[in-house]
């Protein structure tokens, strides 16, 4: 379904408004003038066409925009630069969420020096995307200790599959229960290095035990049947909720760019995540 033009324009304007809101929440009191959309080898990325769409969107709203590799950025005189363009805000599309790679050091230094507004930033990942948070949010005992109201507890416990952190001292139990579990790296994304328990080999199991993983109750995916009077197609799907709170302190809700890490609609593995908690890093 194609939305009517007025609805599409309103949606596009709301995206730009989110980035301007991030700029203002970072304490900047002048107009947002420039954005860098940053990813490694950006022109070779599968979603490079999406980067181009965002570039045009921002420029249509009067914001100078570049698509850049992190290595192309420079920190000079407390300002982040791409060539001769000073960068007000970085729309971060990197999957090095904590900026640990050497190639991302300039961006990390700019973030720590408050020389640019980075969205999303490492703190956002820790708050909204690290899957170890789901251990707390799917445990009634933890929620009670945190003083979470009963109505909120019911929503969280009904919507988030039970999750626990993988440790070697749990290895025998988790292995015996593996057919009902899905194993995910705590800082993973896009389904990478995530495994259905019933597909595990001993070699992969050892890798999981040596890494930072969570085990989550396996939830069967939703299904839709497309019937065109020939052979019907059965397709898996999931639903994700994205929320942006306009009037908030900087860390009370996900940054704009967290909400704009689009995920392809296709899903080949049955799992469920609460997007209001795990927020799109996948």
C-alpha atoms as a PDB file:
ATOM      1  CA  UNK A   1       0.000   0.000   0.000  1.00  0.00           C
ATOM      2  CA  UNK A   2       1.296   3.421  -0.965  1.00  0.00           C
ATOM      3  CA  UNK A   3       0.417   6.210   1.501  1.00  0.00           C
ATOM      4  CA  UNK A   4      -1.184   9.372   0.131  1.00  0.00           C
ATOM      5  CA  UNK A   5       1.290  12.206  -0.598  1.00  0.00           C
ATOM      6  CA  UNK A   6       0.237  14.304   2.391  1.00  0.00           C
ATOM      7  CA  UNK A   7       0.808  11.403   4.773  1.00  0.00           C
ATOM      8  CA  UNK A   8       4.214  10.650   3.237  1.00  0.00           C
ATOM      9  CA  UNK A   9       5.258  14.295   3.538  1.00  0.00           C
ATOM     10  CA  UNK A  10       4.133  14.413   7.157  1.00  0.00           C
ATOM     11  CA  UNK A  11       6.127  11.266   7.927  1.00  0.00           C
ATOM     12  CA  UNK A  12       9.257  12.662   6.283  1.00  0.00           C
ATOM     13  CA  UNK A  13       8.926  15.920   8.198  1.00  0.00           C
ATOM     14  CA  UNK A  14       8.577  13.998  11.464  1.00  0.00           C
ATOM     15  CA  UNK A  15      11.863  12.193  10.744  1.00  0.00           C
ATOM     16  CA  UNK A  16      13.698  15.483  10.262  1.00  0.00           C
ATOM     17  CA  UNK A  17      12.030  16.853  13.391  1.00  0.00           C
ATOM     18  CA  UNK A  18      13.424  13.910  15.403  1.00  0.00           C
ATOM     19  CA  UNK A  19      16.978  14.731  14.366  1.00  0.00           C
ATOM     20  CA  UNK A  20      16.497  18.405  15.129  1.00  0.00           C
ATOM     21  CA  UNK A  21      15.114  17.377  18.521  1.00  0.00           C
ATOM     22  CA  UNK A  22      18.240  15.300  19.202  1.00  0.00           C
ATOM     23  CA  UNK A  23      20.349  18.336  18.320  1.00  0.00           C
ATOM     24  CA  UNK A  24      18.398  20.527  20.739  1.00  0.00           C
ATOM     25  CA  UNK A  25      18.425  17.933  23.531  1.00  0.00           C
ATOM     26  CA  UNK A  26      22.224  17.849  23.296  1.00  0.00           C
ATOM     27  CA  UNK A  27      22.203  21.480  24.426  1.00  0.00           C
ATOM     28  CA  UNK A  28      22.715  23.117  21.048  1.00  0.00           C
ATOM     29  CA  UNK A  29      20.845  26.386  20.695  1.00  0.00           C
ATOM     30  CA  UNK A  30      21.512  27.207  17.050  1.00  0.00           C
ATOM     31  CA  UNK A  31      19.993  25.697  13.928  1.00  0.00           C
ATOM     32  CA  UNK A  32      21.157  22.240  12.874  1.00  0.00           C
ATOM     33  CA  UNK A  33      23.200  22.912   9.740  1.00  0.00           C
ATOM     34  CA  UNK A  34      24.997  19.683   8.786  1.00  0.00           C
ATOM     35  CA  UNK A  35      24.698  15.900   9.127  1.00  0.00           C
ATOM     36  CA  UNK A  36      27.116  13.101   8.287  1.00  0.00           C
ATOM     37  CA  UNK A  37      25.611   9.671   7.616  1.00  0.00           C
ATOM     38  CA  UNK A  38      28.465   7.405   8.715  1.00  0.00           C
ATOM     39  CA  UNK A  39      29.195   3.756   8.028  1.00  0.00           C
ATOM     40  CA  UNK A  40      32.249   1.717   7.107  1.00  0.00           C
ATOM     41  CA  UNK A  41      32.712   1.503   3.334  1.00  0.00           C
ATOM     42  CA  UNK A  42      29.425   3.347   3.067  1.00  0.00           C
ATOM     43  CA  UNK A  43      29.137   3.222  -0.736  1.00  0.00           C
ATOM     44  CA  UNK A  44      29.453  -0.576  -0.663  1.00  0.00           C
ATOM     45  CA  UNK A  45      26.756  -1.095   1.945  1.00  0.00           C
ATOM     46  CA  UNK A  46      23.583  -2.964   0.998  1.00  0.00           C
ATOM     47  CA  UNK A  47      21.547  -0.058   2.386  1.00  0.00           C
ATOM     48  CA  UNK A  48      23.526   2.646   0.560  1.00  0.00           C
ATOM     49  CA  UNK A  49      20.395   3.563  -1.471  1.00  0.00           C
ATOM     50  CA  UNK A  50      18.695   4.247   1.870  1.00  0.00           C
ATOM     51  CA  UNK A  51      21.590   6.530   2.840  1.00  0.00           C
ATOM     52  CA  UNK A  52      20.995   8.434  -0.402  1.00  0.00           C
ATOM     53  CA  UNK A  53      17.298   8.809   0.425  1.00  0.00           C
ATOM     54  CA  UNK A  54      18.128  10.234   3.847  1.00  0.00           C
ATOM     55  CA  UNK A  55      20.695  12.578   2.302  1.00  0.00           C
ATOM     56  CA  UNK A  56      18.070  13.961  -0.059  1.00  0.00           C
ATOM     57  CA  UNK A  57      15.514  14.212   2.750  1.00  0.00           C
ATOM     58  CA  UNK A  58      17.849  16.216   4.979  1.00  0.00           C
ATOM     59  CA  UNK A  59      18.989  18.453   2.115  1.00  0.00           C
ATOM     60  CA  UNK A  60      15.372  19.109   1.096  1.00  0.00           C
ATOM     61  CA  UNK A  61      14.969  20.518   4.618  1.00  0.00           C
ATOM     62  CA  UNK A  62      18.007  22.767   4.319  1.00  0.00           C
ATOM     63  CA  UNK A  63      20.555  20.572   6.122  1.00  0.00           C
ATOM     64  CA  UNK A  64      23.892  20.021   4.367  1.00  0.00           C
ATOM     65  CA  UNK A  65      24.523  16.274   4.325  1.00  0.00           C
ATOM     66  CA  UNK A  66      27.450  13.987   3.492  1.00  0.00           C
ATOM     67  CA  UNK A  67      27.739  10.200   3.419  1.00  0.00           C
ATOM     68  CA  UNK A  68      31.080   9.289   4.952  1.00  0.00           C
ATOM     69  CA  UNK A  69      33.362   6.533   6.151  1.00  0.00           C
ATOM     70  CA  UNK A  70      34.572   7.024   9.745  1.00  0.00           C
ATOM     71  CA  UNK A  71      38.151   7.193   8.451  1.00  0.00           C
ATOM     72  CA  UNK A  72      37.215  10.291   6.431  1.00  0.00           C
ATOM     73  CA  UNK A  73      36.359  12.277   9.562  1.00  0.00           C
ATOM     74  CA  UNK A  74      38.802  14.529  11.390  1.00  0.00           C
ATOM     75  CA  UNK A  75      38.694  16.171  14.797  1.00  0.00           C
ATOM     76  CA  UNK A  76      40.173  19.665  14.566  1.00  0.00           C
ATOM     77  CA  UNK A  77      39.843  22.519  17.053  1.00  0.00           C
ATOM     78  CA  UNK A  78      37.073  20.765  18.979  1.00  0.00           C
ATOM     79  CA  UNK A  79      35.020  20.323  15.817  1.00  0.00           C
ATOM     80  CA  UNK A  80      34.380  17.225  13.705  1.00  0.00           C
ATOM     81  CA  UNK A  81      35.120  17.756  10.018  1.00  0.00           C
ATOM     82  CA  UNK A  82      34.522  15.939   6.752  1.00  0.00           C
ATOM     83  CA  UNK A  83      36.781  17.741   4.326  1.00  0.00           C
ATOM     84  CA  UNK A  84      35.831  21.396   4.617  1.00  0.00           C
ATOM     85  CA  UNK A  85      32.386  20.665   6.086  1.00  0.00           C
ATOM     86  CA  UNK A  86      32.024  20.937   9.868  1.00  0.00           C
ATOM     87  CA  UNK A  87      29.701  18.194  11.093  1.00  0.00           C
ATOM     88  CA  UNK A  88      27.029  19.180  13.587  1.00  0.00           C
ATOM     89  CA  UNK A  89      25.417  15.757  13.917  1.00  0.00           C
ATOM     90  CA  UNK A  90      26.438  12.221  12.993  1.00  0.00           C
ATOM     91  CA  UNK A  91      23.709   9.797  11.965  1.00  0.00           C
ATOM     92  CA  UNK A  92      25.565   6.689  13.113  1.00  0.00           C
ATOM     93  CA  UNK A  93      24.986   3.587  10.977  1.00  0.00           C
ATOM     94  CA  UNK A  94      28.004   1.680  12.277  1.00  0.00           C
ATOM     95  CA  UNK A  95      27.553  -1.737  13.859  1.00  0.00           C
ATOM     96  CA  UNK A  96      30.549  -1.154  16.130  1.00  0.00           C
ATOM     97  CA  UNK A  97      28.090   0.106  18.711  1.00  0.00           C
ATOM     98  CA  UNK A  98      30.631   0.957  21.400  1.00  0.00           C
ATOM     99  CA  UNK A  99      33.098   2.479  18.892  1.00  0.00           C
ATOM    100  CA  UNK A 100      35.792   0.024  19.943  1.00  0.00           C
ATOM    101  CA  UNK A 101      37.409  -0.420  16.535  1.00  0.00           C
ATOM    102  CA  UNK A 102      40.564   1.546  15.794  1.00  0.00           C
ATOM    103  CA  UNK A 103      38.967   2.832  12.581  1.00  0.00           C
ATOM    104  CA  UNK A 104      36.266   4.524  14.669  1.00  0.00           C
ATOM    105  CA  UNK A 105      38.615   6.198  17.127  1.00  0.00           C
ATOM    106  CA  UNK A 106      38.212   9.692  15.656  1.00  0.00           C
ATOM    107  CA  UNK A 107      34.467   9.439  15.977  1.00  0.00           C
ATOM    108  CA  UNK A 108      34.821   8.164  19.541  1.00  0.00           C
ATOM    109  CA  UNK A 109      37.098  11.070  20.465  1.00  0.00           C
ATOM    110  CA  UNK A 110      34.661  13.551  18.913  1.00  0.00           C
ATOM    111  CA  UNK A 111      31.808  11.989  20.890  1.00  0.00           C
ATOM    112  CA  UNK A 112      33.744  12.096  24.174  1.00  0.00           C
ATOM    113  CA  UNK A 113      34.792  15.703  23.534  1.00  0.00           C
ATOM    114  CA  UNK A 114      31.187  16.697  22.689  1.00  0.00           C
ATOM    115  CA  UNK A 115      32.538  17.968  19.370  1.00  0.00           C
ATOM    116  CA  UNK A 116      29.507  16.577  17.532  1.00  0.00           C
ATOM    117  CA  UNK A 117      26.112  15.132  18.362  1.00  0.00           C
ATOM    118  CA  UNK A 118      26.228  11.367  17.779  1.00  0.00           C
ATOM    119  CA  UNK A 119      22.993   9.450  17.359  1.00  0.00           C
ATOM    120  CA  UNK A 120      22.731   6.672  18.308  1.00  0.00           C
ATOM    121  CA  UNK A 121      25.667   6.679  20.720  1.00  0.00           C
ATOM    122  CA  UNK A 122      27.255   3.992  22.944  1.00  0.00           C
ATOM    123  CA  UNK A 123      25.076   4.890  25.917  1.00  0.00           C
ATOM    124  CA  UNK A 124      21.948   4.393  23.811  1.00  0.00           C
ATOM    125  CA  UNK A 125      23.133   0.937  22.832  1.00  0.00           C
ATOM    126  CA  UNK A 126      23.808   0.019  26.459  1.00  0.00           C
ATOM    127  CA  UNK A 127      20.351   1.222  27.516  1.00  0.00           C
ATOM    128  CA  UNK A 128      18.183   0.027  24.643  1.00  0.00           C
ATOM    129  CA  UNK A 129      19.951  -2.688  22.670  1.00  0.00           C
ATOM    130  CA  UNK A 130      22.166  -4.795  24.896  1.00  0.00           C
ATOM    131  CA  UNK A 131      20.169  -8.008  25.190  1.00  0.00           C
ATOM    132  CA  UNK A 132      21.374  -8.611  28.735  1.00  0.00           C
ATOM    133  CA  UNK A 133      18.795  -5.985  29.728  1.00  0.00           C
ATOM    134  CA  UNK A 134      16.139  -8.523  28.769  1.00  0.00           C
ATOM    135  CA  UNK A 135      17.312 -10.742  31.629  1.00  0.00           C
ATOM    136  CA  UNK A 136      16.107  -8.077  34.052  1.00  0.00           C
ATOM    137  CA  UNK A 137      12.989  -7.148  32.115  1.00  0.00           C
ATOM    138  CA  UNK A 138      11.739 -10.732  31.805  1.00  0.00           C
ATOM    139  CA  UNK A 139      12.258 -11.551  35.495  1.00  0.00           C
ATOM    140  CA  UNK A 140       9.402 -10.758  37.879  1.00  0.00           C
ATOM    141  CA  UNK A 141      11.777 -10.942  40.844  1.00  0.00           C
ATOM    142  CA  UNK A 142      14.046  -8.293  39.318  1.00  0.00           C
ATOM    143  CA  UNK A 143      11.097  -6.099  38.372  1.00  0.00           C
ATOM    144  CA  UNK A 144       9.737  -6.290  41.905  1.00  0.00           C
ATOM    145  CA  UNK A 145      13.112  -5.271  43.339  1.00  0.00           C
ATOM    146  CA  UNK A 146      13.158  -2.323  40.930  1.00  0.00           C
ATOM    147  CA  UNK A 147       9.725  -1.218  42.132  1.00  0.00           C
ATOM    148  CA  UNK A 148       8.058  -1.575  38.735  1.00  0.00           C
ATOM    149  CA  UNK A 149       4.262  -1.135  39.051  1.00  0.00           C
ATOM    150  CA  UNK A 150       2.144  -4.257  38.613  1.00  0.00           C
ATOM    151  CA  UNK A 151       0.470  -3.132  35.379  1.00  0.00           C
ATOM    152  CA  UNK A 152       3.867  -2.475  33.759  1.00  0.00           C
ATOM    153  CA  UNK A 153       5.200  -5.808  35.050  1.00  0.00           C
ATOM    154  CA  UNK A 154       2.305  -7.636  33.405  1.00  0.00           C
ATOM    155  CA  UNK A 155       3.035  -5.992  30.060  1.00  0.00           C
ATOM    156  CA  UNK A 156       6.759  -6.733  30.200  1.00  0.00           C
ATOM    157  CA  UNK A 157       6.369 -10.333  31.321  1.00  0.00           C
ATOM    158  CA  UNK A 158       3.693 -11.027  28.704  1.00  0.00           C
ATOM    159  CA  UNK A 159       5.669  -9.438  25.886  1.00  0.00           C
ATOM    160  CA  UNK A 160       9.276 -10.459  26.519  1.00  0.00           C
ATOM    161  CA  UNK A 161      10.225 -14.149  26.357  1.00  0.00           C
ATOM    162  CA  UNK A 162      12.098 -15.343  29.428  1.00  0.00           C
ATOM    163  CA  UNK A 163      15.790 -14.536  28.993  1.00  0.00           C
ATOM    164  CA  UNK A 164      18.874 -15.536  30.942  1.00  0.00           C
ATOM    165  CA  UNK A 165      22.575 -14.984  30.529  1.00  0.00           C
ATOM    166  CA  UNK A 166      24.637 -17.944  29.386  1.00  0.00           C
ATOM    167  CA  UNK A 167      27.356 -19.052  31.816  1.00  0.00           C
ATOM    168  CA  UNK A 168      29.440 -22.204  31.926  1.00  0.00           C
ATOM    169  CA  UNK A 169      27.955 -23.149  35.258  1.00  0.00           C
ATOM    170  CA  UNK A 170      24.571 -23.405  33.473  1.00  0.00           C
ATOM    171  CA  UNK A 171      25.971 -25.289  30.482  1.00  0.00           C
ATOM    172  CA  UNK A 172      24.537 -28.733  31.241  1.00  0.00           C
ATOM    173  CA  UNK A 173      21.040 -27.432  31.971  1.00  0.00           C
ATOM    174  CA  UNK A 174      20.908 -25.100  28.974  1.00  0.00           C
ATOM    175  CA  UNK A 175      22.199 -27.805  26.656  1.00  0.00           C
ATOM    176  CA  UNK A 176      19.507 -30.206  27.857  1.00  0.00           C
ATOM    177  CA  UNK A 177      16.848 -27.503  27.328  1.00  0.00           C
ATOM    178  CA  UNK A 178      18.302 -26.163  24.082  1.00  0.00           C
ATOM    179  CA  UNK A 179      15.437 -27.268  21.816  1.00  0.00           C
ATOM    180  CA  UNK A 180      13.184 -24.729  23.519  1.00  0.00           C
ATOM    181  CA  UNK A 181      15.725 -21.895  23.437  1.00  0.00           C
ATOM    182  CA  UNK A 182      17.204 -19.355  21.069  1.00  0.00           C
ATOM    183  CA  UNK A 183      20.773 -18.151  21.691  1.00  0.00           C
ATOM    184  CA  UNK A 184      21.770 -14.580  20.823  1.00  0.00           C
ATOM    185  CA  UNK A 185      24.949 -12.549  21.299  1.00  0.00           C
ATOM    186  CA  UNK A 186      24.356  -9.824  23.865  1.00  0.00           C
ATOM    187  CA  UNK A 187      25.519  -7.088  21.504  1.00  0.00           C
ATOM    188  CA  UNK A 188      24.481  -8.778  18.265  1.00  0.00           C
ATOM    189  CA  UNK A 189      22.388  -7.405  15.433  1.00  0.00           C
ATOM    190  CA  UNK A 190      20.577  -8.552  12.304  1.00  0.00           C
ATOM    191  CA  UNK A 191      20.345 -12.163  13.439  1.00  0.00           C
ATOM    192  CA  UNK A 192      24.113 -12.658  13.107  1.00  0.00           C
ATOM    193  CA  UNK A 193      25.637 -15.437  15.204  1.00  0.00           C
ATOM    194  CA  UNK A 194      22.186 -16.187  16.625  1.00  0.00           C
ATOM    195  CA  UNK A 195      21.201 -19.846  16.840  1.00  0.00           C
ATOM    196  CA  UNK A 196      18.148 -21.984  17.355  1.00  0.00           C
ATOM    197  CA  UNK A 197      18.940 -24.438  20.092  1.00  0.00           C
ATOM    198  CA  UNK A 198      17.737 -27.460  18.126  1.00  0.00           C
ATOM    199  CA  UNK A 199      20.254 -26.656  15.370  1.00  0.00           C
ATOM    200  CA  UNK A 200      23.299 -26.368  17.626  1.00  0.00           C
ATOM    201  CA  UNK A 201      26.424 -28.424  17.181  1.00  0.00           C
ATOM    202  CA  UNK A 202      28.876 -29.019  19.997  1.00  0.00           C
ATOM    203  CA  UNK A 203      31.433 -26.792  18.265  1.00  0.00           C
ATOM    204  CA  UNK A 204      29.017 -23.841  18.097  1.00  0.00           C
ATOM    205  CA  UNK A 205      27.916 -24.532  21.674  1.00  0.00           C
ATOM    206  CA  UNK A 206      31.504 -24.107  22.842  1.00  0.00           C
ATOM    207  CA  UNK A 207      31.688 -20.775  20.991  1.00  0.00           C
ATOM    208  CA  UNK A 208      28.500 -19.646  22.716  1.00  0.00           C
ATOM    209  CA  UNK A 209      29.869 -20.594  26.133  1.00  0.00           C
ATOM    210  CA  UNK A 210      33.068 -18.674  25.410  1.00  0.00           C
ATOM    211  CA  UNK A 211      31.182 -15.544  24.288  1.00  0.00           C
ATOM    212  CA  UNK A 212      28.668 -13.102  25.760  1.00  0.00           C
ATOM    213  CA  UNK A 213      25.327 -14.735  24.983  1.00  0.00           C
ATOM    214  CA  UNK A 214      21.791 -14.815  26.278  1.00  0.00           C
ATOM    215  CA  UNK A 215      19.364 -17.719  26.051  1.00  0.00           C
ATOM    216  CA  UNK A 216      15.795 -16.749  25.246  1.00  0.00           C
ATOM    217  CA  UNK A 217      12.637 -18.855  25.217  1.00  0.00           C
ATOM    218  CA  UNK A 218      11.846 -19.851  21.641  1.00  0.00           C
ATOM    219  CA  UNK A 219       8.676 -18.233  20.316  1.00  0.00           C
ATOM    220  CA  UNK A 220       7.198 -19.422  17.034  1.00  0.00           C
ATOM    221  CA  UNK A 221       6.870 -16.650  14.441  1.00  0.00           C
ATOM    222  CA  UNK A 222       3.611 -15.295  13.127  1.00  0.00           C
ATOM    223  CA  UNK A 223       2.553 -16.637   9.732  1.00  0.00           C
ATOM    224  CA  UNK A 224       0.665 -15.162   6.793  1.00  0.00           C
ATOM    225  CA  UNK A 225      -0.622 -17.157   3.868  1.00  0.00           C
ATOM    226  CA  UNK A 226      -0.617 -15.514   0.445  1.00  0.00           C
ATOM    227  CA  UNK A 227      -2.974 -17.314  -1.918  1.00  0.00           C
ATOM    228  CA  UNK A 228      -3.068 -16.222  -5.553  1.00  0.00           C
ATOM    229  CA  UNK A 229      -5.210 -19.205  -6.594  1.00  0.00           C
ATOM    230  CA  UNK A 230      -2.058 -21.156  -7.314  1.00  0.00           C
ATOM    231  CA  UNK A 231       0.318 -22.609  -4.740  1.00  0.00           C
ATOM    232  CA  UNK A 232      -0.179 -20.654  -1.471  1.00  0.00           C
ATOM    233  CA  UNK A 233       2.907 -19.129   0.122  1.00  0.00           C
ATOM    234  CA  UNK A 234       3.407 -19.259   3.876  1.00  0.00           C
ATOM    235  CA  UNK A 235       5.540 -16.336   5.052  1.00  0.00           C
ATOM    236  CA  UNK A 236       6.893 -15.593   8.524  1.00  0.00           C
ATOM    237  CA  UNK A 237       6.600 -12.087   9.969  1.00  0.00           C
ATOM    238  CA  UNK A 238       7.133 -10.111  13.128  1.00  0.00           C
ATOM    239  CA  UNK A 239       5.735  -6.831  14.388  1.00  0.00           C
ATOM    240  CA  UNK A 240       7.914  -4.135  15.928  1.00  0.00           C
ATOM    241  CA  UNK A 241       6.874  -1.076  17.888  1.00  0.00           C
ATOM    242  CA  UNK A 242       8.929   2.101  17.559  1.00  0.00           C
ATOM    243  CA  UNK A 243       8.399   4.975  19.958  1.00  0.00           C
ATOM    244  CA  UNK A 244       9.975   8.415  20.039  1.00  0.00           C
ATOM    245  CA  UNK A 245       9.258  10.738  22.964  1.00  0.00           C
ATOM    246  CA  UNK A 246       9.729  14.359  21.989  1.00  0.00           C
ATOM    247  CA  UNK A 247       9.820  16.014  25.397  1.00  0.00           C
ATOM    248  CA  UNK A 248      12.373  14.078  27.397  1.00  0.00           C
ATOM    249  CA  UNK A 249      15.787  14.346  29.004  1.00  0.00           C
ATOM    250  CA  UNK A 250      18.508  12.988  26.693  1.00  0.00           C
ATOM    251  CA  UNK A 251      18.631   9.435  28.093  1.00  0.00           C
ATOM    252  CA  UNK A 252      14.963   8.767  28.863  1.00  0.00           C
ATOM    253  CA  UNK A 253      14.005   7.417  25.427  1.00  0.00           C
ATOM    254  CA  UNK A 254      15.794   6.076  22.371  1.00  0.00           C
ATOM    255  CA  UNK A 255      17.628   8.609  20.182  1.00  0.00           C
ATOM    256  CA  UNK A 256      16.087   9.310  16.797  1.00  0.00           C
ATOM    257  CA  UNK A 257      18.615   7.280  14.875  1.00  0.00           C
ATOM    258  CA  UNK A 258      17.957   4.190  16.979  1.00  0.00           C
ATOM    259  CA  UNK A 259      14.435   4.225  15.585  1.00  0.00           C
ATOM    260  CA  UNK A 260      15.671   4.507  12.003  1.00  0.00           C
ATOM    261  CA  UNK A 261      17.802   1.392  11.814  1.00  0.00           C
ATOM    262  CA  UNK A 262      15.415  -0.249   9.402  1.00  0.00           C
ATOM    263  CA  UNK A 263      15.284  -4.040   9.368  1.00  0.00           C
ATOM    264  CA  UNK A 264      14.209  -6.004   6.245  1.00  0.00           C
ATOM    265  CA  UNK A 265      10.683  -7.331   6.534  1.00  0.00           C
ATOM    266  CA  UNK A 266      11.733 -10.900   5.789  1.00  0.00           C
ATOM    267  CA  UNK A 267      12.487 -13.210   8.719  1.00  0.00           C
ATOM    268  CA  UNK A 268      13.891 -16.714   8.327  1.00  0.00           C
ATOM    269  CA  UNK A 269      14.331 -17.684  11.971  1.00  0.00           C
ATOM    270  CA  UNK A 270      11.547 -17.932  14.540  1.00  0.00           C
ATOM    271  CA  UNK A 271      12.242 -15.511  17.324  1.00  0.00           C
ATOM    272  CA  UNK A 272      10.583 -12.621  19.019  1.00  0.00           C
ATOM    273  CA  UNK A 273      12.023  -9.477  20.529  1.00  0.00           C
ATOM    274  CA  UNK A 274      10.284  -6.651  22.272  1.00  0.00           C
ATOM    275  CA  UNK A 275      11.357  -3.738  20.115  1.00  0.00           C
ATOM    276  CA  UNK A 276      10.344  -1.270  22.786  1.00  0.00           C
ATOM    277  CA  UNK A 277      13.189  -2.769  24.786  1.00  0.00           C
ATOM    278  CA  UNK A 278      15.673  -4.105  22.238  1.00  0.00           C
ATOM    279  CA  UNK A 279      15.140  -1.177  19.871  1.00  0.00           C
ATOM    280  CA  UNK A 280      16.043  -2.130  16.373  1.00  0.00           C
ATOM    281  CA  UNK A 281      19.701  -3.037  16.731  1.00  0.00           C
ATOM    282  CA  UNK A 282      18.389  -6.509  16.126  1.00  0.00           C
END
